[in-house]
Amino acid sequence: MIYPIVKYPEPVLQKKAEPVTEFNADLKKLADDMFESMYAAEGIGLAAPQIGISKRMYVVDLSVGKNPVERLVLINPEIIEKEGKQTEEEGCLSLPDIRDKVNRHFRVRMRAQDVDGKWFEIDGEELLSRAFQHELDHLDGILFIDRLSRLKKDLILRRIRKLIKNGEW
């Protein structure tokens, strides 16, 4: 099932998501639906709050569906190591057509659970590191625009308000 992507300023995007406590067939179906929804939106990462579900889980696939082994599901994720810095342009499915440069760690080690509840660790560098951090921010109610200067964020919010007023958002 393809879920619609919720857009800013939906409240679910601005609050901390709830931990996942039940690992069952419904959760596996949700993960599959999240991949399907992400591919339909042409994204490389999707957090559950972006489809209106306040759960601490996200999916990432840098191959955008071309390589099944690159499909990653991280449930109740946390960063346990980080190093280096990188600054690259980011976008977000919940903020369509808005892009800006964001500072992130170059490498992160994540600790998370899989769809069966088993804990694992995974390293990400460059784009994968960026995706892990971007999606983790969603689980904490943080959007990439929250990491920009106050001036840049205010300009983007003004633009969004105008689009909403004109019925274009």
C-alpha atoms as a PDB file:
ATOM      1  CA  MET A   1       0.000   0.000   0.000  1.00  0.00           C
ATOM      2  CA  ILE A   2       1.314   3.427  -0.914  1.00  0.00           C
ATOM      3  CA  TYR A   3       0.790   5.980   1.845  1.00  0.00           C
ATOM      4  CA  PRO A   4       0.609   9.683   1.029  1.00  0.00           C
ATOM      5  CA  ILE A   5       3.587  11.658   2.320  1.00  0.00           C
ATOM      6  CA  VAL A   6       2.546  14.208   4.942  1.00  0.00           C
ATOM      7  CA  LYS A   7       3.936  17.692   4.481  1.00  0.00           C
ATOM      8  CA  TYR A   8       5.094  20.364   6.872  1.00  0.00           C
ATOM      9  CA  PRO A   9       3.412  21.787   9.024  1.00  0.00           C
ATOM     10  CA  GLU A  10       1.612  18.525   9.959  1.00  0.00           C
ATOM     11  CA  PRO A  11       1.965  18.135  13.776  1.00  0.00           C
ATOM     12  CA  VAL A  12       3.202  14.493  13.515  1.00  0.00           C
ATOM     13  CA  LEU A  13       6.366  15.818  11.828  1.00  0.00           C
ATOM     14  CA  GLN A  14       7.149  18.085  14.761  1.00  0.00           C
ATOM     15  CA  LYS A  15       6.911  15.703  17.699  1.00  0.00           C
ATOM     16  CA  LYS A  16       9.035  12.854  19.028  1.00  0.00           C
ATOM     17  CA  ALA A  17       7.846   9.485  17.688  1.00  0.00           C
ATOM     18  CA  GLU A  18       6.844   6.612  19.983  1.00  0.00           C
ATOM     19  CA  PRO A  19       9.163   3.609  20.462  1.00  0.00           C
ATOM     20  CA  VAL A  20       8.181   0.423  18.640  1.00  0.00           C
ATOM     21  CA  THR A  21       7.304  -2.279  21.181  1.00  0.00           C
ATOM     22  CA  GLU A  22       5.446  -4.882  19.101  1.00  0.00           C
ATOM     23  CA  PHE A  23       7.311  -6.833  16.447  1.00  0.00           C
ATOM     24  CA  ASN A  24       4.756  -8.723  14.389  1.00  0.00           C
ATOM     25  CA  ALA A  25       3.316  -9.220  10.893  1.00  0.00           C
ATOM     26  CA  ASP A  26       1.729  -5.734  10.986  1.00  0.00           C
ATOM     27  CA  LEU A  27       5.145  -4.155  11.537  1.00  0.00           C
ATOM     28  CA  LYS A  28       6.652  -6.134   8.639  1.00  0.00           C
ATOM     29  CA  LYS A  29       3.754  -5.010   6.416  1.00  0.00           C
ATOM     30  CA  LEU A  30       4.320  -1.401   7.516  1.00  0.00           C
ATOM     31  CA  ALA A  31       8.018  -1.660   6.580  1.00  0.00           C
ATOM     32  CA  ASP A  32       7.095  -3.039   3.129  1.00  0.00           C
ATOM     33  CA  ASP A  33       4.497  -0.285   2.667  1.00  0.00           C
ATOM     34  CA  MET A  34       7.064   2.329   3.681  1.00  0.00           C
ATOM     35  CA  PHE A  35       9.475   1.099   0.996  1.00  0.00           C
ATOM     36  CA  GLU A  36       6.660   1.149  -1.577  1.00  0.00           C
ATOM     37  CA  SER A  37       5.647   4.673  -0.503  1.00  0.00           C
ATOM     38  CA  MET A  38       9.275   5.873  -0.566  1.00  0.00           C
ATOM     39  CA  TYR A  39       9.877   4.462  -4.056  1.00  0.00           C
ATOM     40  CA  ALA A  40       6.650   6.028  -5.344  1.00  0.00           C
ATOM     41  CA  ALA A  41       7.873   9.398  -4.024  1.00  0.00           C
ATOM     42  CA  GLU A  42      11.368   8.798  -5.484  1.00  0.00           C
ATOM     43  CA  GLY A  43      13.098   9.095  -2.118  1.00  0.00           C
ATOM     44  CA  ILE A  44      16.075   7.311  -0.564  1.00  0.00           C
ATOM     45  CA  GLY A  45      14.764   7.435   3.016  1.00  0.00           C
ATOM     46  CA  LEU A  46      11.386   7.594   4.732  1.00  0.00           C
ATOM     47  CA  ALA A  47      10.524   7.851   8.420  1.00  0.00           C
ATOM     48  CA  ALA A  48       7.179   6.592   9.763  1.00  0.00           C
ATOM     49  CA  PRO A  49       6.086  10.107  10.865  1.00  0.00           C
ATOM     50  CA  GLN A  50       6.298  11.147   7.189  1.00  0.00           C
ATOM     51  CA  ILE A  51       3.326   8.882   6.479  1.00  0.00           C
ATOM     52  CA  GLY A  52       1.498  10.081   9.593  1.00  0.00           C
ATOM     53  CA  ILE A  53       2.558   7.209  11.889  1.00  0.00           C
ATOM     54  CA  SER A  54       4.298   8.207  15.121  1.00  0.00           C
ATOM     55  CA  LYS A  55       6.648   5.223  15.408  1.00  0.00           C
ATOM     56  CA  ARG A  56      10.432   5.221  15.807  1.00  0.00           C
ATOM     57  CA  MET A  57      11.251   3.496  12.542  1.00  0.00           C
ATOM     58  CA  TYR A  58      12.570   4.402   9.148  1.00  0.00           C
ATOM     59  CA  VAL A  59      13.611   2.805   5.888  1.00  0.00           C
ATOM     60  CA  VAL A  60      16.572   3.682   3.663  1.00  0.00           C
ATOM     61  CA  ASP A  61      17.546   2.445   0.209  1.00  0.00           C
ATOM     62  CA  LEU A  62      20.225   4.387  -1.639  1.00  0.00           C
ATOM     63  CA  SER A  63      19.603   2.233  -4.746  1.00  0.00           C
ATOM     64  CA  VAL A  64      15.968   3.476  -4.887  1.00  0.00           C
ATOM     65  CA  GLY A  65      14.679  -0.082  -5.342  1.00  0.00           C
ATOM     66  CA  LYS A  66      17.291  -1.248  -7.851  1.00  0.00           C
ATOM     67  CA  ASN A  67      19.238  -3.460  -5.414  1.00  0.00           C
ATOM     68  CA  PRO A  68      17.179  -5.373  -2.785  1.00  0.00           C
ATOM     69  CA  VAL A  69      20.210  -5.927  -0.522  1.00  0.00           C
ATOM     70  CA  GLU A  70      20.430  -2.166   0.047  1.00  0.00           C
ATOM     71  CA  ARG A  71      16.979  -2.072   1.688  1.00  0.00           C
ATOM     72  CA  LEU A  72      17.493  -1.126   5.340  1.00  0.00           C
ATOM     73  CA  VAL A  73      14.892  -0.969   8.101  1.00  0.00           C
ATOM     74  CA  LEU A  74      15.954   0.689  11.348  1.00  0.00           C
ATOM     75  CA  ILE A  75      13.601   0.460  14.316  1.00  0.00           C
ATOM     76  CA  ASN A  76      14.219   2.350  17.573  1.00  0.00           C
ATOM     77  CA  PRO A  77      17.531   3.601  16.110  1.00  0.00           C
ATOM     78  CA  GLU A  78      20.230   5.544  17.910  1.00  0.00           C
ATOM     79  CA  ILE A  79      23.642   6.895  16.978  1.00  0.00           C
ATOM     80  CA  ILE A  80      26.340   5.200  19.052  1.00  0.00           C
ATOM     81  CA  GLU A  81      29.421   6.622  17.280  1.00  0.00           C
ATOM     82  CA  LYS A  82      29.998   9.618  15.054  1.00  0.00           C
ATOM     83  CA  GLU A  83      32.978  11.248  13.424  1.00  0.00           C
ATOM     84  CA  GLY A  84      33.937  13.878  10.900  1.00  0.00           C
ATOM     85  CA  LYS A  85      31.862  16.538   9.218  1.00  0.00           C
ATOM     86  CA  GLN A  86      30.222  16.952   5.829  1.00  0.00           C
ATOM     87  CA  THR A  87      28.100  19.697   4.357  1.00  0.00           C
ATOM     88  CA  GLU A  88      25.864  18.787   1.429  1.00  0.00           C
ATOM     89  CA  GLU A  89      22.541  19.807  -0.022  1.00  0.00           C
ATOM     90  CA  GLU A  90      19.499  17.995   1.364  1.00  0.00           C
ATOM     91  CA  GLY A  91      15.869  17.793   0.457  1.00  0.00           C
ATOM     92  CA  CYS A  92      12.924  16.115   2.136  1.00  0.00           C
ATOM     93  CA  LEU A  93       9.777  14.396   0.881  1.00  0.00           C
ATOM     94  CA  SER A  94       7.793  16.348   3.505  1.00  0.00           C
ATOM     95  CA  LEU A  95       9.209  19.648   2.191  1.00  0.00           C
ATOM     96  CA  PRO A  96       8.883  19.212  -1.581  1.00  0.00           C
ATOM     97  CA  ASP A  97      11.054  21.398  -3.823  1.00  0.00           C
ATOM     98  CA  ILE A  98      12.987  22.832  -0.873  1.00  0.00           C
ATOM     99  CA  ARG A  99      16.720  22.142  -0.698  1.00  0.00           C
ATOM    100  CA  ASP A 100      19.630  23.585   1.240  1.00  0.00           C
ATOM    101  CA  LYS A 101      23.067  22.694   2.577  1.00  0.00           C
ATOM    102  CA  VAL A 102      23.078  20.949   5.955  1.00  0.00           C
ATOM    103  CA  ASN A 103      25.992  20.029   8.239  1.00  0.00           C
ATOM    104  CA  ARG A 104      26.087  16.352   9.262  1.00  0.00           C
ATOM    105  CA  HIS A 105      28.597  13.838  10.583  1.00  0.00           C
ATOM    106  CA  PHE A 106      30.668  12.144   7.865  1.00  0.00           C
ATOM    107  CA  ARG A 107      30.356   8.711   9.512  1.00  0.00           C
ATOM    108  CA  VAL A 108      27.919   7.286  12.042  1.00  0.00           C
ATOM    109  CA  ARG A 109      27.430   3.906  13.638  1.00  0.00           C
ATOM    110  CA  MET A 110      23.789   3.149  14.291  1.00  0.00           C
ATOM    111  CA  ARG A 111      22.285   0.694  16.749  1.00  0.00           C
ATOM    112  CA  ALA A 112      18.758  -0.377  15.873  1.00  0.00           C
ATOM    113  CA  GLN A 113      16.314  -3.267  15.788  1.00  0.00           C
ATOM    114  CA  ASP A 114      15.165  -5.118  12.696  1.00  0.00           C
ATOM    115  CA  VAL A 115      11.542  -6.080  11.933  1.00  0.00           C
ATOM    116  CA  ASP A 116      11.911  -9.148  14.179  1.00  0.00           C
ATOM    117  CA  GLY A 117      13.152  -7.054  17.129  1.00  0.00           C
ATOM    118  CA  LYS A 118      16.766  -8.255  16.867  1.00  0.00           C
ATOM    119  CA  TRP A 119      19.366  -5.583  17.699  1.00  0.00           C
ATOM    120  CA  PHE A 120      22.123  -4.858  15.174  1.00  0.00           C
ATOM    121  CA  GLU A 121      24.745  -2.222  14.410  1.00  0.00           C
ATOM    122  CA  ILE A 122      25.473  -0.667  11.033  1.00  0.00           C
ATOM    123  CA  ASP A 123      27.966   1.928   9.826  1.00  0.00           C
ATOM    124  CA  GLY A 124      27.195   4.632   7.308  1.00  0.00           C
ATOM    125  CA  GLU A 125      29.500   7.080   5.568  1.00  0.00           C
ATOM    126  CA  GLU A 126      28.818  10.037   3.272  1.00  0.00           C
ATOM    127  CA  LEU A 127      25.293   9.743   1.775  1.00  0.00           C
ATOM    128  CA  LEU A 128      24.272   6.752   3.920  1.00  0.00           C
ATOM    129  CA  SER A 129      25.422   8.590   7.053  1.00  0.00           C
ATOM    130  CA  ARG A 130      23.460  11.644   5.933  1.00  0.00           C
ATOM    131  CA  ALA A 131      20.327   9.547   5.301  1.00  0.00           C
ATOM    132  CA  PHE A 132      20.601   7.856   8.720  1.00  0.00           C
ATOM    133  CA  GLN A 133      20.894  11.237  10.466  1.00  0.00           C
ATOM    134  CA  HIS A 134      18.162  12.933   8.394  1.00  0.00           C
ATOM    135  CA  GLU A 135      15.652  10.136   9.096  1.00  0.00           C
ATOM    136  CA  LEU A 136      16.625   9.932  12.781  1.00  0.00           C
ATOM    137  CA  ASP A 137      15.890  13.661  13.027  1.00  0.00           C
ATOM    138  CA  HIS A 138      12.350  12.934  11.781  1.00  0.00           C
ATOM    139  CA  LEU A 139      11.869  10.525  14.694  1.00  0.00           C
ATOM    140  CA  ASP A 140      12.778  13.374  17.057  1.00  0.00           C
ATOM    141  CA  GLY A 141      10.457  15.900  15.404  1.00  0.00           C
ATOM    142  CA  ILE A 142      13.315  17.724  13.658  1.00  0.00           C
ATOM    143  CA  LEU A 143      13.216  18.744   9.996  1.00  0.00           C
ATOM    144  CA  PHE A 144      16.331  19.613   8.019  1.00  0.00           C
ATOM    145  CA  ILE A 145      15.213  23.256   7.912  1.00  0.00           C
ATOM    146  CA  ASP A 146      15.555  23.277  11.716  1.00  0.00           C
ATOM    147  CA  ARG A 147      19.312  22.820  11.171  1.00  0.00           C
ATOM    148  CA  LEU A 148      19.620  25.932   8.982  1.00  0.00           C
ATOM    149  CA  SER A 149      20.352  29.481  10.095  1.00  0.00           C
ATOM    150  CA  ARG A 150      17.382  31.371  11.514  1.00  0.00           C
ATOM    151  CA  LEU A 151      17.348  33.643   8.454  1.00  0.00           C
ATOM    152  CA  LYS A 152      17.302  30.762   5.943  1.00  0.00           C
ATOM    153  CA  LYS A 153      14.632  28.919   7.919  1.00  0.00           C
ATOM    154  CA  ASP A 154      12.453  32.040   8.167  1.00  0.00           C
ATOM    155  CA  LEU A 155      12.705  32.603   4.385  1.00  0.00           C
ATOM    156  CA  ILE A 156      11.678  28.988   3.714  1.00  0.00           C
ATOM    157  CA  LEU A 157       8.777  29.160   6.182  1.00  0.00           C
ATOM    158  CA  ARG A 158       7.578  32.392   4.573  1.00  0.00           C
ATOM    159  CA  ARG A 159       7.677  30.684   1.173  1.00  0.00           C
ATOM    160  CA  ILE A 160       5.707  27.684   2.513  1.00  0.00           C
ATOM    161  CA  ARG A 161       3.062  29.942   4.095  1.00  0.00           C
ATOM    162  CA  LYS A 162       2.630  31.707   0.745  1.00  0.00           C
ATOM    163  CA  LEU A 163       2.280  28.363  -1.082  1.00  0.00           C
ATOM    164  CA  ILE A 164      -0.291  27.194   1.496  1.00  0.00           C
ATOM    165  CA  LYS A 165      -2.241  30.470   1.150  1.00  0.00           C
ATOM    166  CA  ASN A 166      -2.271  30.042  -2.661  1.00  0.00           C
ATOM    167  CA  GLY A 167      -3.413  26.397  -2.366  1.00  0.00           C
ATOM    168  CA  GLU A 168      -0.176  25.156  -3.929  1.00  0.00           C
ATOM    169  CA  TRP A 169       1.178  23.147  -0.939  1.00  0.00           C
END
